[in-house]
Each structure stands twice: as structure tokens, then as C-alpha cells.
PDB file of N, CA and C in Angstrom:
ATOM      1  N   MET A   1     114.537 141.648 184.692  1.00  0.00           N
ATOM      2  CA  MET A   1     115.177 142.279 183.194  1.00  0.00           C
ATOM      3  C   MET A   1     114.424 142.554 182.665  1.00  0.00           C
ATOM      4  N   PRO A   2     112.689 142.403 182.491  1.00  0.00           N
ATOM      5  CA  PRO A   2     111.764 143.069 181.768  1.00  0.00           C
ATOM      6  C   PRO A   2     111.562 144.345 181.816  1.00  0.00           C
ATOM      7  N   GLY A   3     111.377 145.348 180.727  1.00  0.00           N
ATOM      8  CA  GLY A   3     111.459 146.792 180.753  1.00  0.00           C
ATOM      9  C   GLY A   3     112.922 147.240 180.675  1.00  0.00           C
ATOM     10  N   SER A   4     113.986 146.568 181.012  1.00  0.00           N
ATOM     11  CA  SER A   4     115.176 147.437 180.662  1.00  0.00           C
ATOM     12  C   SER A   4     115.540 147.281 179.292  1.00  0.00           C
ATOM     13  N   LEU A   5     115.012 146.553 178.408  1.00  0.00           N
ATOM     14  CA  LEU A   5     115.743 146.550 177.037  1.00  0.00           C
ATOM     15  C   LEU A   5     114.736 147.344 176.083  1.00  0.00           C
ATOM     16  N   THR A   6     115.380 148.087 175.078  1.00  0.00           N
ATOM     17  CA  THR A   6     114.471 148.658 174.461  1.00  0.00           C
ATOM     18  C   THR A   6     114.849 148.612 173.135  1.00  0.00           C
ATOM     19  N   ILE A   7     114.019 148.122 171.902  1.00  0.00           N
ATOM     20  CA  ILE A   7     114.357 147.923 170.797  1.00  0.00           C
ATOM     21  C   ILE A   7     113.187 148.404 169.763  1.00  0.00           C
ATOM     22  N   GLY A   8     113.845 148.989 169.007  1.00  0.00           N
ATOM     23  CA  GLY A   8     112.606 149.839 168.015  1.00  0.00           C
ATOM     24  C   GLY A   8     112.678 148.707 166.635  1.00  0.00           C
ATOM     25  N   HIS A   9     111.445 149.470 166.095  1.00  0.00           N
ATOM     26  CA  HIS A   9     111.458 148.493 164.743  1.00  0.00           C
ATOM     27  C   HIS A   9     112.307 149.244 163.586  1.00  0.00           C
ATOM     28  N   HIS A  10     113.001 150.162 163.801  1.00  0.00           N
ATOM     29  CA  HIS A  10     114.060 150.838 162.927  1.00  0.00           C
ATOM     30  C   HIS A  10     115.364 150.139 163.140  1.00  0.00           C
ATOM     31  N   GLU A  11     116.478 150.428 162.507  1.00  0.00           N
ATOM     32  CA  GLU A  11     117.713 150.296 162.723  1.00  0.00           C
ATOM     33  C   GLU A  11     118.223 151.553 163.522  1.00  0.00           C
ATOM     34  N   ALA A  12     118.035 151.288 164.765  1.00  0.00           N
ATOM     35  CA  ALA A  12     118.478 151.870 165.857  1.00  0.00           C
ATOM     36  C   ALA A  12     119.107 151.175 166.897  1.00  0.00           C
ATOM     37  N   ALA A  13     120.208 151.863 167.740  1.00  0.00           N
ATOM     38  CA  ALA A  13     120.725 151.059 168.832  1.00  0.00           C
ATOM     39  C   ALA A  13     119.830 150.654 169.898  1.00  0.00           C
ATOM     40  N   ALA A  14     120.215 149.560 170.580  1.00  0.00           N
ATOM     41  CA  ALA A  14     118.981 148.990 171.546  1.00  0.00           C
ATOM     42  C   ALA A  14     119.609 149.239 172.707  1.00  0.00           C
ATOM     43  N   SER A  15     119.035 149.737 173.983  1.00  0.00           N
ATOM     44  CA  SER A  15     119.748 149.879 175.202  1.00  0.00           C
ATOM     45  C   SER A  15     119.195 148.919 176.115  1.00  0.00           C
ATOM     46  N   LEU A  16     120.210 148.719 176.984  1.00  0.00           N
ATOM     47  CA  LEU A  16     119.896 147.628 178.226  1.00  0.00           C
ATOM     48  C   LEU A  16     120.708 148.051 179.537  1.00  0.00           C
ATOM     49  N   ASP A  17     119.783 148.188 180.771  1.00  0.00           N
ATOM     50  CA  ASP A  17     120.572 148.681 181.786  1.00  0.00           C
ATOM     51  C   ASP A  17     121.708 148.052 182.386  1.00  0.00           C
ATOM     52  N   HIS A  18     122.696 148.663 183.102  1.00  0.00           N
ATOM     53  CA  HIS A  18     123.965 147.770 183.332  1.00  0.00           C
ATOM     54  C   HIS A  18     123.832 146.413 183.966  1.00  0.00           C
ATOM     55  N   THR A  19     122.971 146.524 184.916  1.00  0.00           N
ATOM     56  CA  THR A  19     122.471 145.216 185.731  1.00  0.00           C
ATOM     57  C   THR A  19     122.360 144.005 184.774  1.00  0.00           C
ATOM     58  N   ASP A  20     121.483 144.150 183.694  1.00  0.00           N
ATOM     59  CA  ASP A  20     120.911 143.274 182.752  1.00  0.00           C
ATOM     60  C   ASP A  20     121.868 143.118 181.834  1.00  0.00           C
ATOM     61  N   ALA A  21     123.072 144.076 181.474  1.00  0.00           N
ATOM     62  CA  ALA A  21     123.887 143.816 180.410  1.00  0.00           C
ATOM     63  C   ALA A  21     124.982 142.562 181.133  1.00  0.00           C
ATOM     64  N   VAL A  22     125.084 143.162 182.394  1.00  0.00           N
ATOM     65  CA  VAL A  22     126.145 142.038 182.985  1.00  0.00           C
ATOM     66  C   VAL A  22     125.625 140.616 182.892  1.00  0.00           C
ATOM     67  N   ARG A  23     124.274 140.476 183.513  1.00  0.00           N
ATOM     68  CA  ARG A  23     123.800 139.334 183.358  1.00  0.00           C
ATOM     69  C   ARG A  23     123.751 138.726 181.823  1.00  0.00           C
ATOM     70  N   LEU A  24     123.327 139.578 180.920  1.00  0.00           N
ATOM     71  CA  LEU A  24     123.448 138.943 179.764  1.00  0.00           C
ATOM     72  C   LEU A  24     124.671 138.625 179.257  1.00  0.00           C
ATOM     73  N   ALA A  25     125.823 139.326 179.401  1.00  0.00           N
ATOM     74  CA  ALA A  25     127.110 138.743 179.306  1.00  0.00           C
ATOM     75  C   ALA A  25     127.561 137.585 179.672  1.00  0.00           C
ATOM     76  N   THR A  26     127.167 137.208 181.177  1.00  0.00           N
ATOM     77  CA  THR A  26     127.437 135.820 181.842  1.00  0.00           C
ATOM     78  C   THR A  26     126.786 134.768 181.126  1.00  0.00           C
ATOM     79  N   VAL A  27     125.527 135.064 180.657  1.00  0.00           N
ATOM     80  CA  VAL A  27     124.688 134.028 179.971  1.00  0.00           C
ATOM     81  C   VAL A  27     125.551 133.433 178.469  1.00  0.00           C
ATOM     82  N   LEU A  28     125.933 134.744 177.958  1.00  0.00           N
ATOM     83  CA  LEU A  28     126.560 134.386 176.636  1.00  0.00           C
ATOM     84  C   LEU A  28     127.852 133.764 176.519  1.00  0.00           C
ATOM     85  N   ASP A  29     128.543 134.211 177.740  1.00  0.00           N
ATOM     86  CA  ASP A  29     129.752 133.518 177.940  1.00  0.00           C
ATOM     87  C   ASP A  29     129.445 132.102 178.451  1.00  0.00           C
ATOM     88  N   GLU A  30     128.431 131.649 178.948  1.00  0.00           N
ATOM     89  CA  GLU A  30     128.125 130.303 179.485  1.00  0.00           C
ATOM     90  C   GLU A  30     127.348 129.375 178.228  1.00  0.00           C
ATOM     91  N   LEU A  31     126.611 130.120 177.261  1.00  0.00           N
ATOM     92  CA  LEU A  31     126.340 129.551 176.108  1.00  0.00           C
ATOM     93  C   LEU A  31     127.609 129.196 175.221  1.00  0.00           C
ATOM     94  N   ALA A  32     128.589 130.161 175.161  1.00  0.00           N
ATOM     95  CA  ALA A  32     129.849 129.830 174.378  1.00  0.00           C
ATOM     96  C   ALA A  32     130.505 128.492 174.947  1.00  0.00           C
ATOM     97  N   TYR A  33     130.624 128.551 176.277  1.00  0.00           N
ATOM     98  CA  TYR A  33     131.314 127.422 176.754  1.00  0.00           C
ATOM     99  C   TYR A  33     130.403 126.186 176.598  1.00  0.00           C
ATOM    100  N   LEU A  34     129.220 126.047 176.556  1.00  0.00           N
ATOM    101  CA  LEU A  34     128.080 124.769 176.414  1.00  0.00           C
ATOM    102  C   LEU A  34     128.339 124.301 174.926  1.00  0.00           C
ATOM    103  N   LEU A  35     128.439 125.279 174.283  1.00  0.00           N
ATOM    104  CA  LEU A  35     128.493 124.822 172.900  1.00  0.00           C
ATOM    105  C   LEU A  35     130.211 124.203 172.618  1.00  0.00           C
ATOM    106  N   GLU A  36     131.050 124.558 172.916  1.00  0.00           N
ATOM    107  CA  GLU A  36     132.611 124.307 172.874  1.00  0.00           C
ATOM    108  C   GLU A  36     132.850 122.861 173.745  1.00  0.00           C
ATOM    109  N   ILE A  37     132.430 122.668 174.725  1.00  0.00           N
ATOM    110  CA  ILE A  37     132.702 121.520 175.466  1.00  0.00           C
ATOM    111  C   ILE A  37     132.319 120.187 174.961  1.00  0.00           C
ATOM    112  N   PRO A  38     132.962 119.246 175.184  1.00  0.00           N
ATOM    113  CA  PRO A  38     132.595 117.765 174.724  1.00  0.00           C
ATOM    114  C   PRO A  38     131.967 117.180 175.899  1.00  0.00           C
ATOM    115  N   GLY A  39     130.807 116.028 175.527  1.00  0.00           N
ATOM    116  CA  GLY A  39     130.300 115.416 176.653  1.00  0.00           C
ATOM    117  C   GLY A  39     128.878 115.608 176.919  1.00  0.00           C
ATOM    118  N   PRO A  40     128.349 115.293 177.859  1.00  0.00           N
ATOM    119  CA  PRO A  40     126.889 115.126 178.171  1.00  0.00           C
ATOM    120  C   PRO A  40     126.341 116.556 178.411  1.00  0.00           C
ATOM    121  N   ASN A  41     126.890 117.209 178.716  1.00  0.00           N
ATOM    122  CA  ASN A  41     126.321 118.528 179.252  1.00  0.00           C
ATOM    123  C   ASN A  41     126.703 119.628 178.047  1.00  0.00           C
ATOM    124  N   ARG A  42     127.213 119.183 176.885  1.00  0.00           N
ATOM    125  CA  ARG A  42     127.268 120.077 175.712  1.00  0.00           C
ATOM    126  C   ARG A  42     125.914 120.295 175.076  1.00  0.00           C
ATOM    127  N   ILE A  43     125.729 121.551 174.552  1.00  0.00           N
ATOM    128  CA  ILE A  43     124.536 121.607 173.768  1.00  0.00           C
ATOM    129  C   ILE A  43     124.308 120.889 172.748  1.00  0.00           C
ATOM    130  N   ASN A  44     123.114 119.955 172.430  1.00  0.00           N
ATOM    131  CA  ASN A  44     123.157 119.042 171.531  1.00  0.00           C
ATOM    132  C   ASN A  44     122.692 119.584 170.340  1.00  0.00           C
ATOM    133  N   ASP A  45     122.733 118.818 169.175  1.00  0.00           N
ATOM    134  CA  ASP A  45     122.710 119.318 167.768  1.00  0.00           C
ATOM    135  C   ASP A  45     121.195 119.875 167.596  1.00  0.00           C
ATOM    136  N   ALA A  46     120.249 119.293 168.436  1.00  0.00           N
ATOM    137  CA  ALA A  46     118.723 119.772 168.125  1.00  0.00           C
ATOM    138  C   ALA A  46     118.674 121.304 168.647  1.00  0.00           C
ATOM    139  N   GLN A  47     119.195 121.388 170.060  1.00  0.00           N
ATOM    140  CA  GLN A  47     119.473 122.748 170.736  1.00  0.00           C
ATOM    141  C   GLN A  47     120.178 123.545 169.816  1.00  0.00           C
ATOM    142  N   LEU A  48     121.271 123.340 169.388  1.00  0.00           N
ATOM    143  CA  LEU A  48     121.877 124.118 168.347  1.00  0.00           C
ATOM    144  C   LEU A  48     120.908 124.686 167.134  1.00  0.00           C
ATOM    145  N   ALA A  49     120.185 123.671 166.652  1.00  0.00           N
ATOM    146  CA  ALA A  49     119.395 124.291 165.646  1.00  0.00           C
ATOM    147  C   ALA A  49     118.413 124.988 166.028  1.00  0.00           C
ATOM    148  N   ALA A  50     117.867 124.965 167.369  1.00  0.00           N
ATOM    149  CA  ALA A  50     116.673 125.991 167.764  1.00  0.00           C
ATOM    150  C   ALA A  50     117.673 127.195 167.853  1.00  0.00           C
ATOM    151  N   LEU A  51     118.698 127.111 168.381  1.00  0.00           N
ATOM    152  CA  LEU A  51     119.428 128.376 168.671  1.00  0.00           C
ATOM    153  C   LEU A  51     119.674 129.313 167.503  1.00  0.00           C
ATOM    154  N   CYS A  52     119.928 128.509 166.145  1.00  0.00           N
ATOM    155  CA  CYS A  52     119.999 129.333 164.903  1.00  0.00           C
ATOM    156  C   CYS A  52     118.884 129.303 164.310  1.00  0.00           C
ATOM    157  N   GLU A  53     117.805 129.125 164.652  1.00  0.00           N
ATOM    158  CA  GLU A  53     116.560 129.461 164.276  1.00  0.00           C
ATOM    159  C   GLU A  53     116.200 129.144 162.542  1.00  0.00           C
ATOM    160  N   GLY A  54     116.664 128.097 162.656  1.00  0.00           N
ATOM    161  CA  GLY A  54     116.487 127.391 161.171  1.00  0.00           C
ATOM    162  C   GLY A  54     117.799 127.806 159.941  1.00  0.00           C
ATOM    163  N   GLY A  55     118.580 128.600 160.540  1.00  0.00           N
ATOM    164  CA  GLY A  55     119.724 129.016 159.763  1.00  0.00           C
ATOM    165  C   GLY A  55     120.818 128.057 159.625  1.00  0.00           C
ATOM    166  N   PRO A  56     122.052 128.002 159.075  1.00  0.00           N
ATOM    167  CA  PRO A  56     123.256 127.097 159.225  1.00  0.00           C
ATOM    168  C   PRO A  56     123.291 127.253 160.730  1.00  0.00           C
ATOM    169  N   ALA A  57     123.700 125.807 161.001  1.00  0.00           N
ATOM    170  CA  ALA A  57     123.935 125.401 162.590  1.00  0.00           C
ATOM    171  C   ALA A  57     125.218 125.203 162.662  1.00  0.00           C
ATOM    172  N   ASP A  58     126.072 126.317 162.573  1.00  0.00           N
ATOM    173  CA  ASP A  58     127.692 126.481 162.979  1.00  0.00           C
ATOM    174  C   ASP A  58     127.900 126.426 164.293  1.00  0.00           C
ATOM    175  N   ARG A  59     128.305 125.493 164.929  1.00  0.00           N
ATOM    176  CA  ARG A  59     128.336 125.759 166.500  1.00  0.00           C
ATOM    177  C   ARG A  59     129.486 126.705 166.705  1.00  0.00           C
ATOM    178  N   ALA A  60     130.877 126.594 165.902  1.00  0.00           N
ATOM    179  CA  ALA A  60     132.037 127.535 166.310  1.00  0.00           C
ATOM    180  C   ALA A  60     131.557 128.902 166.078  1.00  0.00           C
ATOM    181  N   GLU A  61     130.911 128.936 164.985  1.00  0.00           N
ATOM    182  CA  GLU A  61     130.783 130.509 164.581  1.00  0.00           C
ATOM    183  C   GLU A  61     129.531 131.079 165.674  1.00  0.00           C
ATOM    184  N   LEU A  62     128.548 130.148 166.127  1.00  0.00           N
ATOM    185  CA  LEU A  62     127.751 130.726 167.541  1.00  0.00           C
ATOM    186  C   LEU A  62     128.612 131.043 168.631  1.00  0.00           C
ATOM    187  N   ALA A  63     129.481 129.882 168.717  1.00  0.00           N
ATOM    188  CA  ALA A  63     130.388 130.298 169.990  1.00  0.00           C
ATOM    189  C   ALA A  63     130.963 131.390 170.014  1.00  0.00           C
ATOM    190  N   ARG A  64     131.600 131.689 168.790  1.00  0.00           N
ATOM    191  CA  ARG A  64     132.415 133.208 168.851  1.00  0.00           C
ATOM    192  C   ARG A  64     131.731 134.232 169.134  1.00  0.00           C
ATOM    193  N   TRP A  65     130.585 134.055 168.136  1.00  0.00           N
ATOM    194  CA  TRP A  65     129.315 135.136 168.285  1.00  0.00           C
ATOM    195  C   TRP A  65     129.008 135.686 169.843  1.00  0.00           C
ATOM    196  N   SER A  66     129.008 134.511 170.725  1.00  0.00           N
ATOM    197  CA  SER A  66     128.382 134.512 171.768  1.00  0.00           C
ATOM    198  C   SER A  66     129.564 134.961 172.414  1.00  0.00           C
ATOM    199  N   ARG A  67     130.819 134.853 172.583  1.00  0.00           N
ATOM    200  CA  ARG A  67     131.885 135.402 173.254  1.00  0.00           C
ATOM    201  C   ARG A  67     132.037 136.774 172.883  1.00  0.00           C
ATOM    202  N   SER A  68     132.138 136.970 171.974  1.00  0.00           N
ATOM    203  CA  SER A  68     132.199 138.379 170.983  1.00  0.00           C
ATOM    204  C   SER A  68     131.050 139.392 171.788  1.00  0.00           C
ATOM    205  N   ALA A  69     129.819 138.802 171.584  1.00  0.00           N
ATOM    206  CA  ALA A  69     129.034 139.800 172.278  1.00  0.00           C
ATOM    207  C   ALA A  69     128.928 140.073 173.812  1.00  0.00           C
ATOM    208  N   ALA A  70     129.149 138.954 174.384  1.00  0.00           N
ATOM    209  CA  ALA A  70     129.683 139.090 175.791  1.00  0.00           C
ATOM    210  C   ALA A  70     130.756 140.386 176.265  1.00  0.00           C
ATOM    211  N   ALA A  71     131.841 139.797 175.284  1.00  0.00           N
ATOM    212  CA  ALA A  71     133.237 140.961 175.383  1.00  0.00           C
ATOM    213  C   ALA A  71     132.644 142.530 175.216  1.00  0.00           C
ATOM    214  N   GLU A  72     131.924 142.588 174.085  1.00  0.00           N
ATOM    215  CA  GLU A  72     131.314 143.876 173.698  1.00  0.00           C
ATOM    216  C   GLU A  72     130.288 144.541 174.796  1.00  0.00           C
ATOM    217  N   LEU A  73     129.622 143.907 175.648  1.00  0.00           N
ATOM    218  CA  LEU A  73     128.812 144.227 177.011  1.00  0.00           C
ATOM    219  C   LEU A  73     129.739 144.235 177.923  1.00  0.00           C
ATOM    220  N   LYS A  74     130.688 143.751 177.985  1.00  0.00           N
ATOM    221  CA  LYS A  74     131.434 143.715 179.279  1.00  0.00           C
ATOM    222  C   LYS A  74     132.196 145.151 178.899  1.00  0.00           C
ATOM    223  N   GLY A  75     132.762 145.260 177.840  1.00  0.00           N
ATOM    224  CA  GLY A  75     133.617 146.527 177.474  1.00  0.00           C
ATOM    225  C   GLY A  75     132.669 147.803 177.779  1.00  0.00           C
ATOM    226  N   ARG A  76     131.412 147.669 177.738  1.00  0.00           N
ATOM    227  CA  ARG A  76     130.629 148.766 177.574  1.00  0.00           C
ATOM    228  C   ARG A  76     130.013 149.073 179.239  1.00  0.00           C
ATOM    229  N   ARG A  77     130.366 148.356 180.047  1.00  0.00           N
ATOM    230  CA  ARG A  77     130.103 148.962 181.441  1.00  0.00           C
ATOM    231  C   ARG A  77     131.218 149.912 181.944  1.00  0.00           C
ATOM    232  N   SER A  78     130.448 150.588 182.862  1.00  0.00           N
ATOM    233  CA  SER A  78     131.253 151.431 183.313  1.00  0.00           C
ATOM    234  C   SER A  78     131.002 151.497 184.940  1.00  0.00           C
TER     235      SER A  78
END
């Protein structure tokens, strides 16, 4: 994966090669799943806080965002 992502310091689109986009979509889907499920395999509150980088720790919102980003990546592959 290193080297396949390009992000500038300006408001420009990022690019990711196809293989890495597929892989990232899978990771985001799995993240959403781990946020939503009950039980010991669920992402705990401390992990959620770390994922939110000090912002509001909204489990449902992060799960929705993860699924949406995954769907966007999957929709762009060709």
C-alpha cells in the first residue's frame, strides 16, 4: 500500500490505486461491523475515542461514515 496514496496540502482529490481502494473498502466495512456488534469483539469505548481523535465519540455516526466511505470506494472501482 505505501506509495499508492497521494494527498496534497490543498483541497484536492486524493488518489488511491485500485488494489488498495478495494482493501481499504474491506477495512472500512469491517470497522463498521466491529462498531455495531454487541459483545467482547466490539470496538470498546477507549478504541472508539482514539478513532475519533478527541472529537465526539459517536459510534453510530462513525459506523455510518465507514460504510458510506466503503460504498464510495467500491462504487468507483472499475
